[in-house]
PDB file of N, CA and C in Angstrom:
ATOM      1  N   MET A   1       2.452 -11.369 -36.518  1.00  0.00           N
ATOM      2  CA  MET A   1       2.705 -10.010 -36.912  1.00  0.00           C
ATOM      3  C   MET A   1       2.796  -9.145 -35.659  1.00  0.00           C
ATOM      4  N   ARG A   2       3.864  -8.414 -35.512  1.00  0.00           N
ATOM      5  CA  ARG A   2       4.026  -7.499 -34.386  1.00  0.00           C
ATOM      6  C   ARG A   2       3.489  -6.137 -34.756  1.00  0.00           C
ATOM      7  N   ILE A   3       2.827  -5.528 -33.802  1.00  0.00           N
ATOM      8  CA  ILE A   3       2.304  -4.176 -33.999  1.00  0.00           C
ATOM      9  C   ILE A   3       2.833  -3.298 -32.883  1.00  0.00           C
ATOM     10  N   ASP A   4       3.405  -2.175 -33.244  1.00  0.00           N
ATOM     11  CA  ASP A   4       3.953  -1.248 -32.261  1.00  0.00           C
ATOM     12  C   ASP A   4       2.929  -0.156 -31.968  1.00  0.00           C
ATOM     13  N   PRO A   5       2.313  -0.142 -30.781  1.00  0.00           N
ATOM     14  CA  PRO A   5       1.298   0.859 -30.476  1.00  0.00           C
ATOM     15  C   PRO A   5       1.869   2.261 -30.288  1.00  0.00           C
ATOM     16  N   THR A   6       3.168   2.397 -30.057  1.00  0.00           N
ATOM     17  CA  THR A   6       3.750   3.721 -29.859  1.00  0.00           C
ATOM     18  C   THR A   6       3.823   4.507 -31.158  1.00  0.00           C
ATOM     19  N   ALA A   7       3.672   3.849 -32.262  1.00  0.00           N
ATOM     20  CA  ALA A   7       3.724   4.561 -33.539  1.00  0.00           C
ATOM     21  C   ALA A   7       2.533   5.496 -33.699  1.00  0.00           C
ATOM     22  N   ALA A   8       1.450   5.267 -32.951  1.00  0.00           N
ATOM     23  CA  ALA A   8       0.261   6.105 -33.056  1.00  0.00           C
ATOM     24  C   ALA A   8       0.434   7.432 -32.329  1.00  0.00           C
ATOM     25  N   VAL A   9       1.465   7.584 -31.521  1.00  0.00           N
ATOM     26  CA  VAL A   9       1.704   8.804 -30.772  1.00  0.00           C
ATOM     27  C   VAL A   9       2.724   9.651 -31.524  1.00  0.00           C
ATOM     28  N   SER A  10       2.406  10.928 -31.666  1.00  0.00           N
ATOM     29  CA  SER A  10       3.332  11.799 -32.393  1.00  0.00           C
ATOM     30  C   SER A  10       4.608  11.996 -31.579  1.00  0.00           C
ATOM     31  N   PRO A  11       5.755  12.082 -32.252  1.00  0.00           N
ATOM     32  CA  PRO A  11       7.029  12.253 -31.536  1.00  0.00           C
ATOM     33  C   PRO A  11       7.068  13.518 -30.685  1.00  0.00           C
ATOM     34  N   GLU A  12       6.395  14.595 -31.119  1.00  0.00           N
ATOM     35  CA  GLU A  12       6.382  15.835 -30.346  1.00  0.00           C
ATOM     36  C   GLU A  12       5.702  15.620 -28.998  1.00  0.00           C
ATOM     37  N   ARG A  13       4.649  14.844 -28.998  1.00  0.00           N
ATOM     38  CA  ARG A  13       3.915  14.578 -27.761  1.00  0.00           C
ATOM     39  C   ARG A  13       4.752  13.739 -26.797  1.00  0.00           C
ATOM     40  N   VAL A  14       5.524  12.819 -27.333  1.00  0.00           N
ATOM     41  CA  VAL A  14       6.402  12.002 -26.500  1.00  0.00           C
ATOM     42  C   VAL A  14       7.491  12.868 -25.884  1.00  0.00           C
ATOM     43  N   GLU A  15       8.024  13.804 -26.656  1.00  0.00           N
ATOM     44  CA  GLU A  15       9.090  14.664 -26.154  1.00  0.00           C
ATOM     45  C   GLU A  15       8.598  15.611 -25.066  1.00  0.00           C
ATOM     46  N   LEU A  16       7.345  16.055 -25.164  1.00  0.00           N
ATOM     47  CA  LEU A  16       6.800  16.969 -24.163  1.00  0.00           C
ATOM     48  C   LEU A  16       6.579  16.287 -22.823  1.00  0.00           C
ATOM     49  N   GLY A  17       6.272  15.008 -22.848  1.00  0.00           N
ATOM     50  CA  GLY A  17       6.055  14.266 -21.614  1.00  0.00           C
ATOM     51  C   GLY A  17       4.587  14.151 -21.258  1.00  0.00           C
ATOM     52  N   ALA A  18       4.312  13.358 -20.242  1.00  0.00           N
ATOM     53  CA  ALA A  18       2.937  13.065 -19.838  1.00  0.00           C
ATOM     54  C   ALA A  18       2.244  14.278 -19.235  1.00  0.00           C
ATOM     55  N   ARG A  19       2.966  15.101 -18.473  1.00  0.00           N
ATOM     56  CA  ARG A  19       2.338  16.266 -17.840  1.00  0.00           C
ATOM     57  C   ARG A  19       1.815  17.241 -18.882  1.00  0.00           C
ATOM     58  N   ALA A  20       2.583  17.480 -19.934  1.00  0.00           N
ATOM     59  CA  ALA A  20       2.141  18.392 -20.977  1.00  0.00           C
ATOM     60  C   ALA A  20       0.967  17.800 -21.747  1.00  0.00           C
ATOM     61  N   ALA A  21       0.999  16.500 -21.963  1.00  0.00           N
ATOM     62  CA  ALA A  21      -0.093  15.847 -22.678  1.00  0.00           C
ATOM     63  C   ALA A  21      -1.381  15.904 -21.877  1.00  0.00           C
ATOM     64  N   ALA A  22      -1.277  15.901 -20.545  1.00  0.00           N
ATOM     65  CA  ALA A  22      -2.452  15.956 -19.678  1.00  0.00           C
ATOM     66  C   ALA A  22      -2.964  17.380 -19.514  1.00  0.00           C
ATOM     67  N   GLY A  23      -2.235  18.352 -20.011  1.00  0.00           N
ATOM     68  CA  GLY A  23      -2.673  19.737 -19.907  1.00  0.00           C
ATOM     69  C   GLY A  23      -2.147  20.447 -18.678  1.00  0.00           C
ATOM     70  N   SER A  24      -1.162  19.875 -17.995  1.00  0.00           N
ATOM     71  CA  SER A  24      -0.672  20.456 -16.743  1.00  0.00           C
ATOM     72  C   SER A  24       0.090  21.767 -16.955  1.00  0.00           C
ATOM     73  N   THR A  25       0.436  22.091 -18.193  1.00  0.00           N
ATOM     74  CA  THR A  25       1.121  23.357 -18.432  1.00  0.00           C
ATOM     75  C   THR A  25       0.128  24.501 -18.595  1.00  0.00           C
ATOM     76  N   ALA A  26      -1.147  24.200 -18.706  1.00  0.00           N
ATOM     77  CA  ALA A  26      -2.158  25.242 -18.835  1.00  0.00           C
ATOM     78  C   ALA A  26      -2.280  26.010 -17.523  1.00  0.00           C
ATOM     79  N   GLN A  27      -2.579  27.299 -17.610  1.00  0.00           N
ATOM     80  CA  GLN A  27      -2.648  28.141 -16.418  1.00  0.00           C
ATOM     81  C   GLN A  27      -3.759  27.684 -15.471  1.00  0.00           C
ATOM     82  N   TRP A  28      -4.904  27.286 -15.994  1.00  0.00           N
ATOM     83  CA  TRP A  28      -6.017  26.870 -15.133  1.00  0.00           C
ATOM     84  C   TRP A  28      -5.695  25.590 -14.378  1.00  0.00           C
ATOM     85  N   TYR A  29      -4.799  24.760 -14.933  1.00  0.00           N
ATOM     86  CA  TYR A  29      -4.440  23.497 -14.291  1.00  0.00           C
ATOM     87  C   TYR A  29      -3.642  23.733 -13.015  1.00  0.00           C
ATOM     88  N   GLN A  30      -2.971  24.862 -12.923  1.00  0.00           N
ATOM     89  CA  GLN A  30      -2.128  25.177 -11.769  1.00  0.00           C
ATOM     90  C   GLN A  30      -2.882  25.914 -10.669  1.00  0.00           C
ATOM     91  N   ALA A  31      -4.188  26.145 -10.829  1.00  0.00           N
ATOM     92  CA  ALA A  31      -4.972  26.895  -9.848  1.00  0.00           C
ATOM     93  C   ALA A  31      -4.961  26.173  -8.498  1.00  0.00           C
ATOM     94  N   GLY A  32      -4.856  26.961  -7.427  1.00  0.00           N
ATOM     95  CA  GLY A  32      -4.800  26.401  -6.088  1.00  0.00           C
ATOM     96  C   GLY A  32      -6.049  25.614  -5.717  1.00  0.00           C
ATOM     97  N   TRP A  33      -7.214  26.145  -6.104  1.00  0.00           N
ATOM     98  CA  TRP A  33      -8.461  25.452  -5.758  1.00  0.00           C
ATOM     99  C   TRP A  33      -8.555  24.109  -6.452  1.00  0.00           C
ATOM    100  N   LEU A  34      -8.015  24.021  -7.653  1.00  0.00           N
ATOM    101  CA  LEU A  34      -8.058  22.758  -8.383  1.00  0.00           C
ATOM    102  C   LEU A  34      -7.101  21.742  -7.760  1.00  0.00           C
ATOM    103  N   LEU A  35      -5.960  22.211  -7.305  1.00  0.00           N
ATOM    104  CA  LEU A  35      -5.016  21.333  -6.614  1.00  0.00           C
ATOM    105  C   LEU A  35      -5.650  20.790  -5.332  1.00  0.00           C
ATOM    106  N   ALA A  36      -6.326  21.673  -4.575  1.00  0.00           N
ATOM    107  CA  ALA A  36      -7.002  21.236  -3.348  1.00  0.00           C
ATOM    108  C   ALA A  36      -8.099  20.227  -3.664  1.00  0.00           C
ATOM    109  N   LEU A  37      -8.828  20.436  -4.749  1.00  0.00           N
ATOM    110  CA  LEU A  37      -9.881  19.509  -5.147  1.00  0.00           C
ATOM    111  C   LEU A  37      -9.302  18.150  -5.520  1.00  0.00           C
ATOM    112  N   ARG A  38      -8.198  18.157  -6.267  1.00  0.00           N
ATOM    113  CA  ARG A  38      -7.543  16.897  -6.637  1.00  0.00           C
ATOM    114  C   ARG A  38      -7.039  16.160  -5.398  1.00  0.00           C
ATOM    115  N   ASN A  39      -6.483  16.908  -4.433  1.00  0.00           N
ATOM    116  CA  ASN A  39      -6.010  16.290  -3.204  1.00  0.00           C
ATOM    117  C   ASN A  39      -7.151  15.681  -2.405  1.00  0.00           C
ATOM    118  N   GLN A  40      -8.277  16.369  -2.334  1.00  0.00           N
ATOM    119  CA  GLN A  40      -9.433  15.830  -1.619  1.00  0.00           C
ATOM    120  C   GLN A  40      -9.954  14.575  -2.312  1.00  0.00           C
ATOM    121  N   PHE A  41      -9.986  14.589  -3.631  1.00  0.00           N
ATOM    122  CA  PHE A  41     -10.425  13.407  -4.377  1.00  0.00           C
ATOM    123  C   PHE A  41      -9.481  12.237  -4.120  1.00  0.00           C
ATOM    124  N   ASP A  42      -8.184  12.500  -4.091  1.00  0.00           N
ATOM    125  CA  ASP A  42      -7.212  11.439  -3.800  1.00  0.00           C
ATOM    126  C   ASP A  42      -7.421  10.865  -2.406  1.00  0.00           C
ATOM    127  N   LEU A  43      -7.730  11.732  -1.435  1.00  0.00           N
ATOM    128  CA  LEU A  43      -7.972  11.275  -0.076  1.00  0.00           C
ATOM    129  C   LEU A  43      -9.208  10.377  -0.010  1.00  0.00           C
ATOM    130  N   VAL A  44     -10.289  10.794  -0.652  1.00  0.00           N
ATOM    131  CA  VAL A  44     -11.514   9.987  -0.685  1.00  0.00           C
ATOM    132  C   VAL A  44     -11.236   8.658  -1.379  1.00  0.00           C
ATOM    133  N   ASN A  45     -10.501   8.693  -2.458  1.00  0.00           N
ATOM    134  CA  ASN A  45     -10.165   7.475  -3.186  1.00  0.00           C
ATOM    135  C   ASN A  45      -9.335   6.526  -2.317  1.00  0.00           C
ATOM    136  N   ARG A  46      -8.404   7.064  -1.540  1.00  0.00           N
ATOM    137  CA  ARG A  46      -7.585   6.225  -0.665  1.00  0.00           C
ATOM    138  C   ARG A  46      -8.430   5.576   0.425  1.00  0.00           C
ATOM    139  N   VAL A  47      -9.307   6.366   1.047  1.00  0.00           N
ATOM    140  CA  VAL A  47     -10.178   5.822   2.090  1.00  0.00           C
ATOM    141  C   VAL A  47     -11.076   4.736   1.507  1.00  0.00           C
ATOM    142  N   TRP A  48     -11.626   4.975   0.325  1.00  0.00           N
ATOM    143  CA  TRP A  48     -12.470   3.981  -0.330  1.00  0.00           C
ATOM    144  C   TRP A  48     -11.693   2.678  -0.558  1.00  0.00           C
ATOM    145  N   ASN A  49     -10.479   2.801  -1.072  1.00  0.00           N
ATOM    146  CA  ASN A  49      -9.670   1.611  -1.337  1.00  0.00           C
ATOM    147  C   ASN A  49      -9.346   0.847  -0.060  1.00  0.00           C
ATOM    148  N   GLU A  50      -8.984   1.560   0.998  1.00  0.00           N
ATOM    149  CA  GLU A  50      -8.629   0.885   2.241  1.00  0.00           C
ATOM    150  C   GLU A  50      -9.839   0.280   2.945  1.00  0.00           C
ATOM    151  N   ALA A  51     -10.984   0.977   2.943  1.00  0.00           N
ATOM    152  CA  ALA A  51     -12.146   0.518   3.703  1.00  0.00           C
ATOM    153  C   ALA A  51     -13.005  -0.474   2.940  1.00  0.00           C
ATOM    154  N   ILE A  52     -13.109  -0.322   1.634  1.00  0.00           N
ATOM    155  CA  ILE A  52     -14.032  -1.141   0.852  1.00  0.00           C
ATOM    156  C   ILE A  52     -13.291  -2.151  -0.019  1.00  0.00           C
ATOM    157  N   VAL A  53     -12.416  -1.677  -0.846  1.00  0.00           N
ATOM    158  CA  VAL A  53     -11.771  -2.549  -1.836  1.00  0.00           C
ATOM    159  C   VAL A  53     -10.860  -3.571  -1.169  1.00  0.00           C
ATOM    160  N   GLN A  54     -10.089  -3.152  -0.182  1.00  0.00           N
ATOM    161  CA  GLN A  54      -9.131  -4.050   0.448  1.00  0.00           C
ATOM    162  C   GLN A  54      -9.682  -4.740   1.691  1.00  0.00           C
ATOM    163  N   PHE A  55     -10.988  -4.665   1.897  1.00  0.00           N
ATOM    164  CA  PHE A  55     -11.601  -5.319   3.056  1.00  0.00           C
ATOM    165  C   PHE A  55     -11.502  -6.828   2.890  1.00  0.00           C
ATOM    166  N   SER A  56     -11.101  -7.508   3.953  1.00  0.00           N
ATOM    167  CA  SER A  56     -10.943  -8.953   3.873  1.00  0.00           C
ATOM    168  C   SER A  56     -11.365  -9.591   5.191  1.00  0.00           C
ATOM    169  N   VAL A  57     -11.315 -10.892   5.228  1.00  0.00           N
ATOM    170  CA  VAL A  57     -11.664 -11.625   6.439  1.00  0.00           C
ATOM    171  C   VAL A  57     -10.751 -11.229   7.584  1.00  0.00           C
ATOM    172  N   LEU A  58      -9.498 -11.004   7.291  1.00  0.00           N
ATOM    173  CA  LEU A  58      -8.537 -10.640   8.336  1.00  0.00           C
ATOM    174  C   LEU A  58      -8.808  -9.273   8.950  1.00  0.00           C
ATOM    175  N   ARG A  59      -9.470  -8.409   8.224  1.00  0.00           N
ATOM    176  CA  ARG A  59      -9.734  -7.052   8.718  1.00  0.00           C
ATOM    177  C   ARG A  59     -11.090  -6.937   9.392  1.00  0.00           C
ATOM    178  N   GLN A  60     -11.875  -7.991   9.432  1.00  0.00           N
ATOM    179  CA  GLN A  60     -13.179  -7.937  10.075  1.00  0.00           C
ATOM    180  C   GLN A  60     -13.012  -7.916  11.587  1.00  0.00           C
ATOM    181  N   PRO A  61     -13.923  -7.238  12.282  1.00  0.00           N
ATOM    182  CA  PRO A  61     -13.854  -7.240  13.741  1.00  0.00           C
ATOM    183  C   PRO A  61     -14.079  -8.651  14.288  1.00  0.00           C
ATOM    184  N   LYS A  62     -13.429  -8.938  15.378  1.00  0.00           N
ATOM    185  CA  LYS A  62     -13.560 -10.267  16.002  1.00  0.00           C
ATOM    186  C   LYS A  62     -14.930 -10.388  16.686  1.00  0.00           C
ATOM    187  N   ALA A  63     -15.560 -11.525  16.516  1.00  0.00           N
ATOM    188  CA  ALA A  63     -16.834 -11.794  17.191  1.00  0.00           C
ATOM    189  C   ALA A  63     -16.556 -12.253  18.614  1.00  0.00           C
ATOM    190  N   CYS A  64     -17.430 -11.926  19.517  1.00  0.00           N
ATOM    191  CA  CYS A  64     -17.249 -12.312  20.928  1.00  0.00           C
ATOM    192  C   CYS A  64     -17.489 -13.781  21.131  1.00  0.00           C
TER     193      CYS A  64
END
Protein backbone atom coordinates (compact mmCIF):
# COMPACT_ATOMS: atom_id res chain seq x y z
CA MET A 1 0.00 0.00 0.00
CA ARG A 2 1.43 3.38 -0.99
CA ILE A 3 0.88 6.35 1.25
CA ASP A 4 1.40 9.90 0.05
CA PRO A 5 2.66 12.08 2.94
CA THR A 6 2.07 15.30 0.99
CA ALA A 7 -1.67 14.84 1.32
CA ALA A 8 -1.37 15.94 4.97
CA VAL A 9 -0.24 19.43 3.91
CA SER A 10 -2.90 21.90 2.89
CA PRO A 11 -2.61 23.15 -0.71
CA GLU A 12 -2.59 26.79 0.48
CA ARG A 13 0.49 26.13 2.58
CA VAL A 14 2.27 24.52 -0.37
CA GLU A 15 1.46 27.51 -2.58
CA LEU A 16 2.81 29.99 -0.02
CA GLY A 17 6.16 28.22 0.13
CA ALA A 18 8.53 27.25 2.92
CA ARG A 19 9.43 30.82 3.96
CA ALA A 20 5.81 31.71 4.66
CA ALA A 21 5.26 28.44 6.50
CA ALA A 22 8.28 29.21 8.71
CA GLY A 23 6.86 32.62 9.58
CA SER A 24 9.40 34.65 7.59
CA THR A 25 6.69 37.04 6.39
CA ALA A 26 6.03 38.18 9.96
CA GLN A 27 7.41 41.62 10.82
CA TRP A 28 9.37 40.38 13.86
CA TYR A 29 11.10 37.75 11.70
CA GLN A 30 12.69 40.50 9.59
CA ALA A 31 14.23 42.34 12.60
CA GLY A 32 17.90 43.17 12.17
CA TRP A 33 18.89 41.86 15.60
CA LEU A 34 17.26 38.53 14.86
CA LEU A 35 19.08 38.24 11.54
CA ALA A 36 22.38 38.97 13.33
CA LEU A 37 21.54 36.34 15.96
CA ARG A 38 20.75 33.74 13.28
CA ASN A 39 24.02 34.56 11.51
CA GLN A 40 26.01 34.17 14.73
CA PHE A 41 24.30 30.84 15.42
CA ASP A 42 25.16 29.67 11.89
CA LEU A 43 28.79 30.66 12.44
CA VAL A 44 28.99 28.74 15.74
CA ASN A 45 27.32 25.76 14.10
CA ARG A 46 29.84 25.82 11.23
CA VAL A 47 32.82 26.00 13.58
CA TRP A 48 31.37 23.14 15.64
CA ASN A 49 30.92 21.00 12.53
CA GLU A 50 34.41 21.68 11.21
CA ALA A 51 36.26 21.32 14.54
CA ILE A 52 34.31 18.55 16.25
CA VAL A 53 32.01 16.66 13.91
CA GLN A 54 34.38 16.41 10.95
CA PHE A 55 37.49 15.75 13.04
CA SER A 56 39.38 12.74 11.74
CA VAL A 57 42.73 11.02 11.88
CA LEU A 58 43.88 13.03 8.88
CA ARG A 59 43.19 16.32 10.65
CA GLN A 60 45.10 15.46 13.83
CA PRO A 61 48.39 17.24 14.44
CA LYS A 62 51.47 15.23 13.53
CA ALA A 63 53.41 13.73 16.44
CA CYS A 64 57.14 14.45 16.59
